[in-house]
Amino acid sequence: MNNSEVLNIEYPLLNDYVIKFVFAHKKILEEFLKLLEEFLKEAIATHIKYTHAQKLIMAPYYELKNYYGDVLSVTNDNVIVSVEVYNTFSEKEYKKSLCYIARIYGNQLKKGEEYSKVKKVIGITLYNKKIRLKMDEVLEEYKLTEQITRVKTNDEMTLFLIDIDKLANFTYNKCERLREYAKLLKKRWLSEMEEFIKDKEDDEMFQETVAYVREFLSDPKNHDVLDHYASDVANAKIEGYDNGFDEGHNVGFGKGHDVGYDEGHDVGYDEGHDQAKKSISKNLINAGIDKETVAKCTNLSISELNKLLVNN
């Protein structure tokens, strides 16, 4: 992979590797947490003593991952802040985020240390493409709550789930800059990021964020990571196609559509679902199902179905 190919790769900022590199820079992470404070309505001491990003979660070091999430920081007020990012978010990722903050909280002390020294833990999970979860808000907050009176709460562990898709369109007037940063996080191409910040020349956070993305993509030491990512995307798309097609035949069109949809999003982005739906549609029509029924079930138009048959 040459340098020009690397800089033009579809490599979203929310990707695991890039976000670690960007948020490993203490200044960027501090600025991001400051933007979040008003939105979360939670005081986060944004002066960070140190930050640890899981840089070792790269080929060939996948087995070295621990339970600290993508980026782990300790503030001057001794609050532990864990930032985790997902490009798809299902029940598995939700439980994963709960495991992270619980493990962080429970593993702070060494044998013999006083429990009074345990630090407060704040988990911040950013995600795109929610799958099969009934979470309709841009922000969801989880704390330990006393279930009888519903009054007593424990602030020792807090988990915030933030939907980046919804945040990018959030209209709360005090979050304009955070909303713009969410839009930047959603960009898939470096060229799109650079175009987006052209009118933000005086905003150091935006400029430095894109500069760090450019640095990561340009560094030859990261090219193996980029190759693995490109390979994973290609394999995920193929898996999305195959899973959607096979499930449709094995368990019926209705369930096949649902599974194909979810698998396509989970491992192959939208292309897997689209290809699976089109493949299933052609097979159904070829099997004698009328086009009107197929169109109703798949939300494909009659003209789209006709094009599929022409290209068949």
Protein backbone atom coordinates (compact mmCIF):
# COMPACT_ATOMS: atom_id res chain seq x y z
CA MET A 1 0.00 0.00 0.00
CA ASN A 2 1.65 3.25 -1.11
CA ASN A 3 1.30 6.59 0.67
CA SER A 4 -1.27 8.05 -1.74
CA GLU A 5 -3.47 4.95 -1.33
CA VAL A 6 -3.22 5.23 2.45
CA LEU A 7 -4.27 8.87 2.53
CA ASN A 8 -7.33 8.11 0.40
CA ILE A 9 -8.45 4.98 2.21
CA GLU A 10 -11.97 4.95 3.60
CA TYR A 11 -10.82 5.04 7.21
CA PRO A 12 -13.28 6.73 9.58
CA LEU A 13 -12.01 8.77 12.51
CA LEU A 14 -14.28 6.67 14.73
CA ASN A 15 -12.28 3.60 13.76
CA ASP A 16 -10.62 1.86 16.71
CA TYR A 17 -7.04 2.59 15.66
CA VAL A 18 -7.41 6.22 14.63
CA ILE A 19 -9.42 7.34 17.65
CA LYS A 20 -6.77 5.88 19.96
CA PHE A 21 -4.06 7.82 18.17
CA VAL A 22 -6.02 11.10 18.19
CA PHE A 23 -7.31 10.92 21.77
CA ALA A 24 -3.91 9.78 23.06
CA HIS A 25 -2.97 13.44 22.65
CA LYS A 26 -3.90 14.86 26.05
CA LYS A 27 -4.81 18.31 24.74
CA ILE A 28 -7.36 16.93 22.25
CA LEU A 29 -8.93 14.65 24.87
CA GLU A 30 -9.16 17.51 27.38
CA GLU A 31 -10.90 19.71 24.82
CA PHE A 32 -13.31 16.91 23.93
CA LEU A 33 -14.21 16.29 27.59
CA LYS A 34 -14.82 20.01 28.09
CA LEU A 35 -17.24 19.97 25.16
CA LEU A 36 -19.02 17.02 26.74
CA GLU A 37 -19.41 18.54 30.23
CA GLU A 38 -22.34 20.82 29.40
CA PHE A 39 -23.98 18.14 27.30
CA LEU A 40 -23.63 15.41 29.94
CA LYS A 41 -24.54 17.81 32.76
CA GLU A 42 -21.84 16.03 34.71
CA ALA A 43 -18.75 17.71 36.11
CA ILE A 44 -15.72 16.03 34.59
CA ALA A 45 -12.43 17.37 35.85
CA THR A 46 -10.94 17.97 32.43
CA HIS A 47 -7.37 18.64 33.50
CA ILE A 48 -5.78 15.29 32.78
CA LYS A 49 -2.74 14.01 34.65
CA TYR A 50 -2.01 11.24 32.17
CA THR A 51 -3.65 9.32 29.33
CA HIS A 52 -3.11 5.76 28.20
CA ALA A 53 -4.34 4.69 24.77
CA GLN A 54 -4.45 1.05 23.82
CA LYS A 55 -1.91 1.37 21.03
CA LEU A 56 -0.96 -2.28 21.33
CA ILE A 57 -4.33 -3.42 20.01
CA MET A 58 -2.85 -3.67 16.55
CA ALA A 59 -1.58 -6.57 14.50
CA PRO A 60 0.11 -8.71 15.68
CA TYR A 61 -0.67 -7.74 19.30
CA TYR A 62 -4.44 -8.33 19.48
CA GLU A 63 -4.04 -10.73 22.40
CA LEU A 64 -2.64 -7.95 24.60
CA LYS A 65 -5.96 -6.11 24.90
CA ASN A 66 -7.08 -5.55 28.48
CA TYR A 67 -10.31 -4.19 29.97
CA TYR A 68 -9.39 -0.51 29.83
CA GLY A 69 -11.19 0.31 26.62
CA ASP A 70 -9.76 2.50 23.88
CA VAL A 71 -8.47 5.43 25.93
CA LEU A 72 -8.03 5.58 29.71
CA SER A 73 -7.26 8.82 31.58
CA VAL A 74 -6.88 9.98 35.15
CA THR A 75 -7.78 13.60 35.94
CA ASN A 76 -6.24 15.94 38.48
CA ASP A 77 -9.24 15.21 40.74
CA ASN A 78 -8.44 11.49 40.58
CA VAL A 79 -11.40 10.58 38.40
CA ILE A 80 -10.80 7.76 35.93
CA VAL A 81 -12.31 8.45 32.50
CA SER A 82 -12.60 5.62 29.99
CA VAL A 83 -13.51 6.42 26.37
CA GLU A 84 -14.70 3.59 24.14
CA VAL A 85 -15.78 3.86 20.49
CA TYR A 86 -17.89 1.49 18.37
CA ASN A 87 -18.84 1.74 14.71
CA THR A 88 -21.76 -0.60 15.39
CA PHE A 89 -23.52 -0.95 18.73
CA SER A 90 -25.54 -3.98 19.81
CA GLU A 91 -26.22 -5.76 23.11
CA LYS A 92 -22.73 -7.25 22.93
CA GLU A 93 -21.07 -3.81 22.86
CA TYR A 94 -23.41 -2.53 25.58
CA LYS A 95 -22.36 -5.34 27.91
CA LYS A 96 -18.75 -4.80 26.91
CA SER A 97 -18.93 -1.16 28.04
CA LEU A 98 -20.47 -2.22 31.37
CA CYS A 99 -17.66 -4.76 31.81
CA TYR A 100 -15.06 -2.08 31.14
CA ILE A 101 -16.15 0.34 33.86
CA ALA A 102 -16.82 -2.47 36.35
CA ARG A 103 -13.39 -3.99 35.76
CA ILE A 104 -11.70 -0.61 35.94
CA TYR A 105 -13.45 0.18 39.22
CA GLY A 106 -12.81 -3.20 40.76
CA ASN A 107 -9.18 -3.60 39.66
CA GLN A 108 -7.81 -0.31 40.97
CA LEU A 109 -6.43 -1.56 44.25
CA LYS A 110 -3.53 -3.84 44.95
CA LYS A 111 -3.67 -6.35 47.79
CA GLY A 112 -3.72 -4.60 51.16
CA GLU A 113 -4.70 -1.14 49.87
CA GLU A 114 -7.58 0.70 51.55
CA TYR A 115 -10.92 0.76 49.73
CA SER A 116 -11.19 4.45 50.54
CA LYS A 117 -8.56 5.04 47.84
CA VAL A 118 -10.83 3.77 45.03
CA LYS A 119 -11.32 6.44 42.36
CA LYS A 120 -14.60 7.39 40.72
CA VAL A 121 -14.98 5.94 37.20
CA ILE A 122 -16.73 7.61 34.26
CA GLY A 123 -17.24 5.59 31.10
CA ILE A 124 -17.99 7.41 27.84
CA THR A 125 -19.12 5.19 24.97
CA LEU A 126 -19.47 6.76 21.51
CA TYR A 127 -21.21 4.71 18.87
CA ASN A 128 -22.74 4.62 15.38
CA LYS A 129 -25.21 2.18 13.80
CA LYS A 130 -27.26 0.93 16.74
CA ILE A 131 -28.54 -2.63 16.16
CA ARG A 132 -31.58 -4.20 17.87
CA LEU A 133 -31.45 -1.96 20.95
CA LYS A 134 -34.34 0.18 22.15
CA MET A 135 -32.26 3.28 22.83
CA ASP A 136 -33.84 6.26 21.16
CA GLU A 137 -32.06 9.12 22.91
CA VAL A 138 -28.90 10.91 21.87
CA LEU A 139 -27.59 10.37 25.41
CA GLU A 140 -28.27 7.63 27.94
CA GLU A 141 -26.84 7.67 31.47
CA TYR A 142 -26.42 4.65 33.74
CA LYS A 143 -25.64 4.71 37.47
CA LEU A 144 -26.17 2.37 40.39
CA THR A 145 -29.62 3.23 41.78
CA GLU A 146 -31.45 2.15 44.94
CA GLN A 147 -34.51 0.38 43.53
CA ILE A 148 -37.08 0.85 46.34
CA THR A 149 -36.98 4.60 47.00
CA ARG A 150 -35.47 5.50 43.61
CA VAL A 151 -33.79 8.38 45.43
CA LYS A 152 -30.39 7.16 46.52
CA THR A 153 -27.83 6.98 43.75
CA ASN A 154 -24.22 5.98 43.69
CA ASP A 155 -21.94 8.22 41.65
CA GLU A 156 -18.91 5.97 41.94
CA MET A 157 -19.52 4.47 38.49
CA THR A 158 -21.27 6.25 35.63
CA LEU A 159 -21.67 5.08 32.04
CA PHE A 160 -22.70 7.49 29.30
CA LEU A 161 -23.83 6.12 25.94
CA ILE A 162 -23.72 8.74 23.17
CA ASP A 163 -25.21 8.19 19.73
CA ILE A 164 -22.88 10.06 17.34
CA ASP A 165 -25.46 9.97 14.53
CA LYS A 166 -28.03 11.75 16.71
CA LEU A 167 -25.45 14.04 18.33
CA ALA A 168 -24.45 15.37 14.90
CA ASN A 169 -28.01 16.69 14.54
CA PHE A 170 -28.63 17.68 18.17
CA THR A 171 -30.09 21.19 18.47
CA TYR A 172 -29.28 22.13 22.08
CA ASN A 173 -27.90 25.65 21.72
CA LYS A 174 -25.01 25.18 24.17
CA CYS A 175 -23.65 22.22 22.21
CA GLU A 176 -23.04 23.76 18.80
CA ARG A 177 -19.31 23.11 18.79
CA LEU A 178 -19.80 19.57 20.12
CA ARG A 179 -22.35 18.95 17.38
CA GLU A 180 -19.83 20.11 14.78
CA TYR A 181 -17.17 17.86 16.27
CA ALA A 182 -19.59 14.92 16.06
CA LYS A 183 -19.98 15.67 12.35
CA LEU A 184 -16.19 15.56 12.00
CA LEU A 185 -16.09 12.21 13.83
CA LYS A 186 -18.50 10.78 11.27
CA LYS A 187 -16.33 11.61 8.24
CA ARG A 188 -14.95 8.54 6.46
CA TRP A 189 -12.26 10.10 4.27
CA LEU A 190 -9.33 12.33 5.16
CA SER A 191 -10.24 14.56 2.20
CA GLU A 192 -13.76 14.99 3.65
CA MET A 193 -12.27 15.96 7.02
CA GLU A 194 -9.95 18.49 5.42
CA GLU A 195 -12.82 20.00 3.44
CA PHE A 196 -15.00 20.15 6.58
CA ILE A 197 -12.48 22.19 8.60
CA LYS A 198 -11.74 24.76 5.88
CA ASP A 199 -14.11 27.24 7.51
CA LYS A 200 -12.72 26.42 10.97
CA GLU A 201 -9.19 27.73 10.52
CA ASP A 202 -9.23 29.41 13.94
CA ASP A 203 -10.42 26.32 15.79
CA GLU A 204 -7.26 24.65 17.03
CA MET A 205 -9.03 21.49 18.21
CA PHE A 206 -10.55 20.77 14.80
CA GLN A 207 -7.33 21.57 12.96
CA GLU A 208 -5.17 19.44 15.25
CA THR A 209 -7.60 16.52 15.13
CA VAL A 210 -7.36 16.31 11.35
CA ALA A 211 -3.61 16.84 11.50
CA TYR A 212 -3.31 13.82 13.81
CA VAL A 213 -5.45 11.71 11.46
CA ARG A 214 -3.19 12.73 8.57
CA GLU A 215 -0.11 11.87 10.64
CA PHE A 216 -1.49 8.43 11.50
CA LEU A 217 -2.42 7.59 7.93
CA SER A 218 0.92 8.85 6.59
CA ASP A 219 3.16 6.97 9.03
CA PRO A 220 4.64 3.85 7.36
CA LYS A 221 4.69 2.14 10.77
CA ASN A 222 0.88 2.09 10.67
CA HIS A 223 0.54 0.68 7.17
CA ASP A 224 0.28 -2.92 8.40
CA VAL A 225 -2.65 -1.78 10.53
CA LEU A 226 -4.25 -0.11 7.52
CA ASP A 227 -3.75 -3.24 5.42
CA HIS A 228 -5.43 -5.33 8.12
CA TYR A 229 -8.29 -2.85 8.31
CA ALA A 230 -8.84 -2.85 4.54
CA SER A 231 -8.74 -6.65 4.53
CA ASP A 232 -11.20 -6.84 7.43
CA VAL A 233 -13.62 -4.52 5.63
CA ALA A 234 -13.43 -6.58 2.44
CA ASN A 235 -13.96 -9.83 4.34
CA ALA A 236 -16.80 -8.30 6.33
CA LYS A 237 -18.60 -7.29 3.14
CA ILE A 238 -18.27 -10.80 1.73
CA GLU A 239 -19.53 -12.25 5.00
CA GLY A 240 -22.45 -9.83 4.95
CA TYR A 241 -23.38 -10.95 1.42
CA ASP A 242 -23.07 -14.65 2.23
CA ASN A 243 -24.85 -14.52 5.57
CA GLY A 244 -27.77 -12.54 4.22
CA PHE A 245 -28.15 -14.84 1.20
CA ASP A 246 -27.78 -18.12 3.12
CA GLU A 247 -30.05 -17.12 6.00
CA GLY A 248 -32.72 -16.05 3.53
CA HIS A 249 -32.74 -19.52 1.98
CA ASN A 250 -32.33 -21.48 5.21
CA VAL A 251 -34.83 -19.86 7.54
CA GLY A 252 -37.24 -18.07 5.22
CA PHE A 253 -37.33 -14.70 3.54
CA GLY A 254 -38.58 -12.70 6.53
CA LYS A 255 -35.94 -13.85 8.99
CA GLY A 256 -33.31 -13.92 6.25
CA HIS A 257 -33.96 -10.25 5.56
CA ASP A 258 -33.62 -9.33 9.24
CA VAL A 259 -30.44 -11.31 9.78
CA GLY A 260 -28.99 -10.14 6.47
CA TYR A 261 -29.76 -6.57 7.47
CA ASP A 262 -28.11 -6.83 10.88
CA GLU A 263 -25.11 -8.82 9.70
CA GLY A 264 -24.58 -6.44 6.80
CA HIS A 265 -24.46 -3.50 9.18
CA ASP A 266 -22.49 -5.27 11.88
CA VAL A 267 -19.64 -6.62 9.78
CA GLY A 268 -19.95 -5.23 6.32
CA TYR A 269 -21.61 -1.79 6.61
CA ASP A 270 -24.66 -1.13 4.48
CA GLU A 271 -23.25 -2.79 1.35
CA GLY A 272 -23.63 -6.27 2.79
CA HIS A 273 -27.31 -5.73 3.49
CA ASP A 274 -28.02 -4.14 0.13
CA GLN A 275 -26.30 -6.90 -1.80
CA ALA A 276 -28.01 -9.61 0.27
CA LYS A 277 -31.43 -8.02 -0.24
CA LYS A 278 -30.91 -7.75 -3.98
CA SER A 279 -29.64 -11.31 -4.25
CA ILE A 280 -32.59 -12.64 -2.27
CA SER A 281 -35.02 -10.56 -4.33
CA LYS A 282 -33.72 -11.97 -7.61
CA ASN A 283 -33.93 -15.52 -6.29
CA LEU A 284 -37.46 -15.00 -5.02
CA ILE A 285 -38.62 -13.62 -8.37
CA ASN A 286 -36.86 -16.43 -10.22
CA ALA A 287 -38.64 -18.86 -7.88
CA GLY A 288 -42.00 -17.51 -9.01
CA ILE A 289 -42.82 -14.90 -6.33
CA ASP A 290 -44.51 -11.93 -7.99
CA LYS A 291 -42.61 -8.66 -8.10
CA GLU A 292 -45.27 -6.71 -6.18
CA THR A 293 -44.91 -9.03 -3.17
CA VAL A 294 -41.12 -8.89 -3.30
CA ALA A 295 -41.20 -5.09 -3.58
CA LYS A 296 -43.50 -4.84 -0.56
CA CYS A 297 -41.27 -7.10 1.56
CA THR A 298 -37.94 -5.56 0.55
CA ASN A 299 -38.85 -1.90 0.06
CA LEU A 300 -37.27 -2.09 -3.38
CA SER A 301 -39.22 -0.35 -6.12
CA ILE A 302 -40.56 -2.21 -9.14
CA SER A 303 -38.10 -0.29 -11.33
CA GLU A 304 -35.20 -1.41 -9.11
CA LEU A 305 -36.39 -5.02 -9.37
CA ASN A 306 -36.63 -4.71 -13.14
CA LYS A 307 -33.04 -3.48 -13.27
CA LEU A 308 -31.92 -6.46 -11.19
CA LEU A 309 -33.62 -8.82 -13.64
CA VAL A 310 -32.09 -7.08 -16.65
CA ASN A 311 -28.63 -7.40 -15.09
CA ASN A 312 -29.28 -10.99 -14.03
